[in-house]
Each structure stands twice: as structure tokens, then as C-alpha cells.
Amino acid sequence: MMPLTYSEKNKELIIRKIGGNEDVRRHLANLGLTVGGTLTVINSLCGNVIVKVKESRIALNEDLARKIMV
């Protein structure tokens, strides 16, 4: 397992664990990021990440991206 910030681009990944407090986990779940779900990293710049979840693109700052383990 590794944080989302260190993952490769254009590779489908499975979310293994989501850290943070309950509010953070609920916010990410509302965006479609849940344990067992898949996502694809489209671009990464200075720790900030753009991911494709289902048919949506979501921008995550470095703090949130570090809480997602893939």
C-alpha cells in the first residue's frame, strides 16, 4: 500500500484504505472515493492529484491525497 500521491499516472488503482477523521472520510465518500472502489490518476503536480472516478474527474489537494491508500 502507498499513498495516492506516489502512484503512477494512467493506471487503474483500487482504494485499500482511507484515513482521516469521520468528516474527511464522509467527504471523500460523497465524491465517490470508497474502500474497494477504483480510480485512475490523470495528473499529479506538487502532490496535488487529479483522478478519474467512475466518469468524473476530481481534483484533490496533497493533504487529502495522502489520506487515500492504494
N, C-alpha and C. Protein backbone atom coordinates (compact mmCIF):
# COMPACT_ATOMS: atom_id res chain seq x y z
N MET A 1 0.83 -1.19 0.00
CA MET A 1 0.00 0.00 0.00
C MET A 1 0.87 1.24 0.00
N MET A 2 0.38 2.27 -0.69
CA MET A 2 1.09 3.54 -0.72
C MET A 2 0.07 4.66 -0.84
N PRO A 3 0.45 5.86 -0.44
CA PRO A 3 -0.47 7.00 -0.61
C PRO A 3 -0.71 7.30 -2.08
N LEU A 4 -1.84 7.85 -2.37
CA LEU A 4 -2.21 8.19 -3.74
C LEU A 4 -1.21 9.14 -4.39
N THR A 5 -0.55 9.97 -3.61
CA THR A 5 0.39 10.95 -4.16
C THR A 5 1.59 10.29 -4.84
N TYR A 6 1.90 9.03 -4.50
CA TYR A 6 3.06 8.34 -5.08
C TYR A 6 2.70 7.38 -6.20
N SER A 7 1.45 7.32 -6.60
CA SER A 7 1.04 6.34 -7.59
C SER A 7 1.33 6.81 -9.01
N GLU A 8 1.31 5.84 -9.94
CA GLU A 8 1.62 6.11 -11.34
C GLU A 8 0.40 6.71 -12.04
N LYS A 9 0.68 7.46 -13.11
CA LYS A 9 -0.39 8.03 -13.91
C LYS A 9 -0.96 6.97 -14.85
N ASN A 10 -2.22 7.17 -15.24
CA ASN A 10 -2.92 6.35 -16.23
C ASN A 10 -2.95 4.86 -15.89
N LYS A 11 -3.00 4.54 -14.61
CA LYS A 11 -3.09 3.15 -14.17
C LYS A 11 -4.29 3.05 -13.23
N GLU A 12 -5.15 2.07 -13.48
CA GLU A 12 -6.33 1.89 -12.61
C GLU A 12 -5.88 1.32 -11.28
N LEU A 13 -6.31 1.96 -10.20
CA LEU A 13 -5.91 1.58 -8.85
C LEU A 13 -7.13 1.27 -8.00
N ILE A 14 -6.95 0.42 -7.01
CA ILE A 14 -8.02 0.08 -6.08
C ILE A 14 -7.72 0.75 -4.75
N ILE A 15 -8.72 1.41 -4.19
CA ILE A 15 -8.57 2.08 -2.90
C ILE A 15 -8.59 1.03 -1.80
N ARG A 16 -7.52 0.94 -1.03
CA ARG A 16 -7.38 -0.06 0.03
C ARG A 16 -7.78 0.47 1.41
N LYS A 17 -7.50 1.76 1.65
CA LYS A 17 -7.78 2.33 2.97
C LYS A 17 -7.92 3.84 2.83
N ILE A 18 -8.81 4.42 3.63
CA ILE A 18 -8.96 5.87 3.66
C ILE A 18 -8.79 6.32 5.10
N GLY A 19 -7.82 7.19 5.33
CA GLY A 19 -7.53 7.68 6.68
C GLY A 19 -8.24 8.99 6.95
N GLY A 20 -7.93 9.57 8.08
CA GLY A 20 -8.52 10.85 8.45
C GLY A 20 -9.70 10.67 9.39
N ASN A 21 -10.26 11.79 9.81
CA ASN A 21 -11.39 11.73 10.73
C ASN A 21 -12.68 11.42 9.96
N GLU A 22 -13.76 11.29 10.68
CA GLU A 22 -15.05 10.91 10.08
C GLU A 22 -15.51 11.91 9.02
N ASP A 23 -15.29 13.20 9.25
CA ASP A 23 -15.71 14.21 8.28
C ASP A 23 -14.96 14.06 6.96
N VAL A 24 -13.66 13.79 7.04
CA VAL A 24 -12.85 13.61 5.83
C VAL A 24 -13.32 12.38 5.07
N ARG A 25 -13.53 11.27 5.77
CA ARG A 25 -13.96 10.03 5.12
C ARG A 25 -15.35 10.20 4.48
N ARG A 26 -16.24 10.92 5.16
CA ARG A 26 -17.57 11.17 4.60
C ARG A 26 -17.49 12.04 3.36
N HIS A 27 -16.64 13.07 3.40
CA HIS A 27 -16.47 13.96 2.24
C HIS A 27 -15.96 13.17 1.03
N LEU A 28 -14.94 12.33 1.25
CA LEU A 28 -14.40 11.53 0.16
C LEU A 28 -15.42 10.52 -0.35
N ALA A 29 -16.22 9.94 0.54
CA ALA A 29 -17.27 9.01 0.12
C ALA A 29 -18.30 9.72 -0.74
N ASN A 30 -18.63 10.97 -0.40
CA ASN A 30 -19.58 11.74 -1.20
C ASN A 30 -19.04 12.03 -2.60
N LEU A 31 -17.72 12.07 -2.73
CA LEU A 31 -17.10 12.28 -4.04
C LEU A 31 -16.98 10.97 -4.83
N GLY A 32 -17.32 9.84 -4.20
CA GLY A 32 -17.24 8.55 -4.87
C GLY A 32 -16.00 7.76 -4.54
N LEU A 33 -15.19 8.24 -3.60
CA LEU A 33 -13.96 7.58 -3.22
C LEU A 33 -14.22 6.72 -1.98
N THR A 34 -14.42 5.43 -2.20
CA THR A 34 -14.70 4.50 -1.11
C THR A 34 -13.74 3.32 -1.17
N VAL A 35 -13.55 2.65 -0.05
CA VAL A 35 -12.68 1.49 0.02
C VAL A 35 -13.23 0.42 -0.92
N GLY A 36 -12.34 -0.14 -1.74
CA GLY A 36 -12.74 -1.15 -2.72
C GLY A 36 -13.06 -0.56 -4.08
N GLY A 37 -13.25 0.75 -4.14
CA GLY A 37 -13.54 1.42 -5.41
C GLY A 37 -12.28 1.60 -6.23
N THR A 38 -12.46 1.89 -7.50
CA THR A 38 -11.31 2.10 -8.38
C THR A 38 -11.23 3.56 -8.80
N LEU A 39 -10.02 3.96 -9.13
CA LEU A 39 -9.77 5.30 -9.65
C LEU A 39 -8.55 5.25 -10.54
N THR A 40 -8.38 6.28 -11.35
CA THR A 40 -7.23 6.41 -12.24
C THR A 40 -6.63 7.79 -12.03
N VAL A 41 -5.32 7.85 -11.81
CA VAL A 41 -4.64 9.14 -11.67
C VAL A 41 -4.42 9.70 -13.07
N ILE A 42 -4.96 10.88 -13.31
CA ILE A 42 -4.81 11.53 -14.61
C ILE A 42 -3.58 12.42 -14.63
N ASN A 43 -3.38 13.18 -13.56
CA ASN A 43 -2.24 14.08 -13.49
C ASN A 43 -1.87 14.32 -12.03
N SER A 44 -0.60 14.61 -11.81
CA SER A 44 -0.12 14.90 -10.47
C SER A 44 0.89 16.03 -10.56
N LEU A 45 0.73 17.04 -9.69
CA LEU A 45 1.64 18.18 -9.71
C LEU A 45 1.84 18.67 -8.29
N CYS A 46 3.07 18.60 -7.80
CA CYS A 46 3.42 19.07 -6.46
C CYS A 46 2.57 18.42 -5.37
N GLY A 47 2.21 17.16 -5.54
CA GLY A 47 1.41 16.46 -4.55
C GLY A 47 -0.08 16.56 -4.79
N ASN A 48 -0.53 17.56 -5.53
CA ASN A 48 -1.95 17.68 -5.87
C ASN A 48 -2.24 16.69 -6.99
N VAL A 49 -3.42 16.07 -6.94
CA VAL A 49 -3.73 14.98 -7.85
C VAL A 49 -5.09 15.20 -8.51
N ILE A 50 -5.17 14.89 -9.80
CA ILE A 50 -6.45 14.84 -10.50
C ILE A 50 -6.73 13.38 -10.79
N VAL A 51 -7.87 12.89 -10.33
CA VAL A 51 -8.22 11.48 -10.51
C VAL A 51 -9.53 11.36 -11.28
N LYS A 52 -9.68 10.23 -11.94
CA LYS A 52 -10.92 9.89 -12.62
C LYS A 52 -11.60 8.82 -11.79
N VAL A 53 -12.80 9.13 -11.30
CA VAL A 53 -13.59 8.19 -10.53
C VAL A 53 -14.91 8.01 -11.27
N LYS A 54 -15.19 6.77 -11.65
CA LYS A 54 -16.35 6.48 -12.49
C LYS A 54 -16.22 7.33 -13.75
N GLU A 55 -17.08 8.25 -14.03
CA GLU A 55 -16.95 9.09 -15.22
C GLU A 55 -16.71 10.55 -14.86
N SER A 56 -16.20 10.81 -13.66
CA SER A 56 -15.95 12.18 -13.20
C SER A 56 -14.47 12.39 -12.94
N ARG A 57 -14.04 13.61 -13.09
CA ARG A 57 -12.67 13.99 -12.73
C ARG A 57 -12.74 14.82 -11.45
N ILE A 58 -11.86 14.48 -10.51
CA ILE A 58 -11.85 15.14 -9.21
C ILE A 58 -10.44 15.60 -8.91
N ALA A 59 -10.30 16.84 -8.47
CA ALA A 59 -9.00 17.38 -8.05
C ALA A 59 -8.91 17.27 -6.54
N LEU A 60 -7.81 16.69 -6.06
CA LEU A 60 -7.57 16.52 -4.62
C LEU A 60 -6.28 17.24 -4.26
N ASN A 61 -6.31 17.97 -3.15
CA ASN A 61 -5.06 18.59 -2.70
C ASN A 61 -4.17 17.51 -2.06
N GLU A 62 -2.95 17.87 -1.79
CA GLU A 62 -1.97 16.90 -1.28
C GLU A 62 -2.41 16.28 0.04
N ASP A 63 -3.02 17.07 0.91
CA ASP A 63 -3.45 16.56 2.21
C ASP A 63 -4.49 15.45 2.06
N LEU A 64 -5.49 15.65 1.21
CA LEU A 64 -6.50 14.61 1.00
C LEU A 64 -5.92 13.41 0.25
N ALA A 65 -5.05 13.65 -0.72
CA ALA A 65 -4.47 12.56 -1.48
C ALA A 65 -3.62 11.65 -0.61
N ARG A 66 -2.97 12.19 0.40
CA ARG A 66 -2.15 11.38 1.31
C ARG A 66 -2.99 10.48 2.21
N LYS A 67 -4.25 10.81 2.40
CA LYS A 67 -5.13 10.01 3.24
C LYS A 67 -5.68 8.79 2.51
N ILE A 68 -5.56 8.77 1.18
CA ILE A 68 -6.07 7.65 0.37
C ILE A 68 -4.92 6.69 0.07
N MET A 69 -5.06 5.47 0.54
CA MET A 69 -4.04 4.45 0.32
C MET A 69 -4.50 3.50 -0.78
N VAL A 70 -3.62 3.27 -1.75
CA VAL A 70 -3.95 2.38 -2.88
C VAL A 70 -2.97 1.23 -2.94
